[in-house]
C-alpha atoms as a PDB file:
ATOM      1  CA  ASP A   1     -79.970 -51.584   8.567  1.00  0.00           C
ATOM      2  CA  GLU A   2     -79.255 -50.026   4.878  1.00  0.00           C
ATOM      3  CA  VAL A   3     -76.135 -52.519   4.394  1.00  0.00           C
ATOM      4  CA  TRP A   4     -78.345 -55.458   5.057  1.00  0.00           C
ATOM      5  CA  LYS A   5     -80.958 -54.297   2.629  1.00  0.00           C
ATOM      6  CA  LEU A   6     -78.484 -53.711  -0.277  1.00  0.00           C
ATOM      7  CA  GLN A   7     -76.284 -57.027   0.282  1.00  0.00           C
ATOM      8  CA  LYS A   8     -78.697 -58.833  -2.503  1.00  0.00           C
ATOM      9  CA  GLY A   9     -77.810 -62.413  -1.888  1.00  0.00           C
ATOM     10  CA  TYR A  10     -74.235 -62.126  -0.491  1.00  0.00           C
ATOM     11  CA  LYS A  11     -74.160 -64.363   2.483  1.00  0.00           C
ATOM     12  CA  VAL A  12     -72.471 -62.523   5.323  1.00  0.00           C
ATOM     13  CA  LEU A  13     -70.263 -65.077   7.094  1.00  0.00           C
ATOM     14  CA  GLU A  14     -69.026 -62.939  10.178  1.00  0.00           C
ATOM     15  CA  TRP A  15     -69.725 -59.269  11.121  1.00  0.00           C
ATOM     16  CA  LYS A  16     -67.632 -57.707  13.555  1.00  0.00           C
ATOM     17  CA  LEU A  17     -67.384 -54.300  15.053  1.00  0.00           C
ATOM     18  CA  TYR A  18     -64.079 -52.821  16.474  1.00  0.00           C
ATOM     19  CA  ASP A  19     -65.533 -50.284  18.691  1.00  0.00           C
ATOM     20  CA  SER A  20     -62.445 -48.938  19.958  1.00  0.00           C
ATOM     21  CA  TYR A  21     -61.421 -48.186  16.182  1.00  0.00           C
ATOM     22  CA  GLY A  22     -64.879 -47.426  14.998  1.00  0.00           C
ATOM     23  CA  ILE A  23     -64.769 -49.889  12.024  1.00  0.00           C
ATOM     24  CA  HIS A  24     -67.073 -52.715  11.381  1.00  0.00           C
ATOM     25  CA  SER A  25     -65.730 -55.519   9.238  1.00  0.00           C
ATOM     26  CA  LEU A  26     -68.232 -57.829   7.076  1.00  0.00           C
ATOM     27  CA  MET A  27     -66.632 -61.051   5.822  1.00  0.00           C
ATOM     28  CA  MET A  28     -68.658 -62.575   3.119  1.00  0.00           C
ATOM     29  CA  GLN A  29     -67.814 -65.344   0.674  1.00  0.00           C
ATOM     30  CA  SER A  30     -65.907 -63.799  -1.934  1.00  0.00           C
ATOM     31  CA  MET A  31     -64.940 -60.562  -0.124  1.00  0.00           C
ATOM     32  CA  GLN A  32     -64.330 -58.297   3.026  1.00  0.00           C
ATOM     33  CA  ILE A  33     -65.903 -55.012   3.399  1.00  0.00           C
ATOM     34  CA  TYR A  34     -64.739 -52.469   6.127  1.00  0.00           C
ATOM     35  CA  ILE A  35     -67.254 -49.891   7.037  1.00  0.00           C
ATOM     36  CA  LEU A  36     -65.975 -46.716   9.229  1.00  0.00           C
ATOM     37  CA  VAL A  37     -68.462 -45.386  11.974  1.00  0.00           C
ATOM     38  CA  GLU A  38     -68.535 -41.707  12.568  1.00  0.00           C
ATOM     39  CA  LYS A  39     -68.820 -40.890  16.095  1.00  0.00           C
ATOM     40  CA  LYS A  40     -69.736 -37.695  17.745  1.00  0.00           C
ATOM     41  CA  TYR A  41     -67.569 -37.062  21.202  1.00  0.00           C
ATOM     42  CA  PRO A  42     -69.469 -34.324  23.501  1.00  0.00           C
ATOM     43  CA  LEU A  43     -67.091 -31.955  24.934  1.00  0.00           C
ATOM     44  CA  THR A  44     -68.077 -30.643  28.356  1.00  0.00           C
ATOM     45  CA  PRO A  45     -68.141 -27.012  28.871  1.00  0.00           C
ATOM     46  CA  PRO A  46     -64.874 -26.864  31.145  1.00  0.00           C
ATOM     47  CA  THR A  47     -62.903 -28.536  28.113  1.00  0.00           C
ATOM     48  CA  LEU A  48     -64.691 -25.972  25.996  1.00  0.00           C
ATOM     49  CA  SER A  49     -63.559 -23.214  28.012  1.00  0.00           C
ATOM     50  CA  MET A  50     -59.858 -24.834  28.395  1.00  0.00           C
ATOM     51  CA  MET A  51     -59.681 -25.053  24.734  1.00  0.00           C
ATOM     52  CA  LEU A  52     -60.742 -21.146  24.018  1.00  0.00           C
ATOM     53  CA  GLU A  53     -58.468 -20.117  27.136  1.00  0.00           C
ATOM     54  CA  LYS A  54     -55.389 -21.499  25.343  1.00  0.00           C
ATOM     55  CA  LYS A  55     -56.105 -19.506  22.487  1.00  0.00           C
ATOM     56  CA  LEU A  56     -56.829 -22.246  20.001  1.00  0.00           C
ATOM     57  CA  GLN A  57     -55.788 -20.921  16.606  1.00  0.00           C
ATOM     58  CA  ILE A  58     -57.373 -21.904  13.258  1.00  0.00           C
ATOM     59  CA  ASP A  59     -56.655 -21.609   9.741  1.00  0.00           C
ATOM     60  CA  TYR A  60     -59.860 -19.920   8.223  1.00  0.00           C
ATOM     61  CA  GLU A  61     -59.177 -21.942   5.100  1.00  0.00           C
ATOM     62  CA  SER A  62     -59.221 -25.435   6.775  1.00  0.00           C
ATOM     63  CA  LYS A  63     -62.634 -27.367   6.298  1.00  0.00           C
ATOM     64  CA  MET A  64     -62.554 -28.963   9.649  1.00  0.00           C
ATOM     65  CA  THR A  65     -60.873 -26.384  12.294  1.00  0.00           C
ATOM     66  CA  TYR A  66     -63.334 -23.683  11.465  1.00  0.00           C
ATOM     67  CA  PRO A  67     -66.312 -25.741  12.187  1.00  0.00           C
ATOM     68  CA  LEU A  68     -64.862 -27.196  15.255  1.00  0.00           C
ATOM     69  CA  CYS A  69     -64.333 -23.762  16.435  1.00  0.00           C
ATOM     70  CA  LYS A  70     -67.698 -22.623  15.911  1.00  0.00           C
ATOM     71  CA  LEU A  71     -69.088 -25.488  17.422  1.00  0.00           C
ATOM     72  CA  ILE A  72     -67.150 -24.766  20.482  1.00  0.00           C
ATOM     73  CA  LYS A  73     -68.353 -21.334  20.604  1.00  0.00           C
ATOM     74  CA  LYS A  74     -71.867 -22.484  20.071  1.00  0.00           C
ATOM     75  CA  GLN A  75     -71.835 -25.149  22.946  1.00  0.00           C
ATOM     76  CA  LEU A  76     -70.382 -22.677  25.220  1.00  0.00           C
ATOM     77  CA  LYS A  77     -73.113 -20.339  24.783  1.00  0.00           C
ATOM     78  CA  LYS A  78     -75.711 -23.230  25.727  1.00  0.00           C
END
C-alpha cells in the first residue's frame, strides 16, 4: 500500500509477484523496480529438535546465526 501512495504520478504498466522467489516487479514508463519480499517460515517442533540434536554450531560473532539459534530455543520452549 505504501508503494502505491509514494508513486507520485508514475504510471504502473505492470506489477508481478514472483512468489517462488519472493520478488515484486514493477514496470513503469521509464523504469523497472524490483522489491524483495520478506518471508518468515515457521519451524515445526520436530524440525527445531532435529536442528538442536544435530548440535547446530554457530559463530557468536555472526549477525544472523546467533538470533536464529535463540529463536529455535525460544520456539522449543513454547
